[in-house]
Protein backbone atom coordinates (compact mmCIF):
# COMPACT_ATOMS: atom_id res chain seq x y z
CA UNK A 1 -12.06 1.67 12.67
CA UNK A 2 -11.94 -1.28 10.27
CA UNK A 3 -9.52 -4.08 11.07
CA UNK A 4 -7.77 -6.30 8.59
CA UNK A 5 -7.71 -10.02 9.17
CA UNK A 6 -4.06 -9.89 10.19
CA UNK A 7 -1.44 -7.39 11.20
CA UNK A 8 1.48 -5.76 9.53
CA UNK A 9 5.11 -5.53 10.50
CA UNK A 10 7.12 -2.75 9.00
CA UNK A 11 10.87 -2.48 9.34
CA UNK A 12 12.05 1.06 8.79
CA UNK A 13 15.47 2.01 7.47
CA UNK A 14 16.83 -1.55 7.54
CA UNK A 15 16.87 -1.55 11.33
CA UNK A 16 15.29 -4.74 12.64
CA UNK A 17 15.06 -3.16 16.09
CA UNK A 18 12.66 -0.54 14.73
CA UNK A 19 9.47 -2.53 14.08
CA UNK A 20 5.98 -1.04 13.96
CA UNK A 21 3.02 -3.38 14.35
CA UNK A 22 -0.51 -2.27 13.46
CA UNK A 23 -3.70 -4.05 12.51
CA UNK A 24 -5.71 -1.56 10.43
CA UNK A 25 -5.53 -0.58 6.79
CA UNK A 26 -5.84 3.07 7.89
CA UNK A 27 -2.69 2.90 10.03
CA UNK A 28 -0.82 1.18 7.20
CA UNK A 29 -1.86 3.85 4.69
CA UNK A 30 -0.85 6.64 7.10
CA UNK A 31 2.52 4.94 7.52
CA UNK A 32 2.96 4.77 3.72
CA UNK A 33 2.00 8.41 3.31
CA UNK A 34 4.74 9.48 5.76
CA UNK A 35 7.42 7.42 3.99
CA UNK A 36 8.10 9.56 0.93
CA UNK A 37 9.84 7.68 -1.94
CA UNK A 38 9.95 4.46 0.06
CA UNK A 39 9.96 0.91 -1.26
CA UNK A 40 7.53 -1.55 0.33
CA UNK A 41 7.72 -5.33 0.10
CA UNK A 42 4.81 -7.73 0.64
CA UNK A 43 4.69 -11.43 1.34
CA UNK A 44 1.44 -11.88 -0.60
CA UNK A 45 0.67 -8.82 -2.73
CA UNK A 46 -2.13 -10.61 -4.59
CA UNK A 47 -4.05 -10.70 -1.29
CA UNK A 48 -2.80 -7.47 0.33
CA UNK A 49 -3.01 -5.53 -2.92
CA UNK A 50 -6.77 -5.99 -3.12
CA UNK A 51 -7.20 -4.28 0.26
CA UNK A 52 -4.80 -1.49 -0.69
CA UNK A 53 -6.41 -0.78 -4.07
CA UNK A 54 -9.90 -0.89 -2.57
CA UNK A 55 -8.82 1.54 0.15
CA UNK A 56 -7.31 3.94 -2.39
CA UNK A 57 -10.35 3.87 -4.68
CA UNK A 58 -12.73 4.51 -1.77
CA UNK A 59 -10.64 7.34 -0.29
CA UNK A 60 -10.47 9.86 -3.14
CA UNK A 61 -7.44 8.43 -4.94
CA UNK A 62 -7.39 8.08 -8.71
CA UNK A 63 -5.78 5.24 -10.66
CA UNK A 64 -3.58 6.42 -13.52
CA UNK A 65 -1.70 4.58 -16.27
CA UNK A 66 0.68 7.32 -17.42
CA UNK A 67 3.53 8.64 -15.26
CA UNK A 68 2.97 12.13 -16.68
CA UNK A 69 -0.37 12.21 -14.79
CA UNK A 70 1.23 11.69 -11.36
CA UNK A 71 -0.02 14.15 -8.78
CA UNK A 72 -1.22 13.99 -5.20
CA UNK A 73 -3.81 11.26 -4.56
CA UNK A 74 -2.99 9.25 -7.68
CA UNK A 75 -1.52 5.76 -7.90
CA UNK A 76 -0.25 3.37 -10.54
CA UNK A 77 -0.35 -0.42 -10.64
CA UNK A 78 1.24 -3.23 -12.58
CA UNK A 79 -1.41 -5.88 -13.19
CA UNK A 80 -0.92 -8.56 -15.86
CA UNK A 81 -3.50 -10.16 -18.17
CA UNK A 82 -4.44 -12.72 -15.52
CA UNK A 83 -5.16 -9.87 -13.10
CA UNK A 84 -2.16 -10.67 -10.95
CA UNK A 85 -0.81 -7.67 -9.10
CA UNK A 86 2.93 -7.51 -9.63
């Protein structure tokens, strides 16, 4: 199991008593998959986003640019001209 250089804290449903702490990209991606239609916030998406996009591209996900192409195992990004992940 690959470890990230840090760990994540995820607060579910606005309840600060319900915190999940993990330290692998796999556990984070499994968490995201379970949270249908959720919104996730990141302290440093420029850094974290690289790990997330790499994981998706190496685990049978396909990057799309048109919402009409959305299906299982696809993802969209917003990246500006300076390659900043927004």
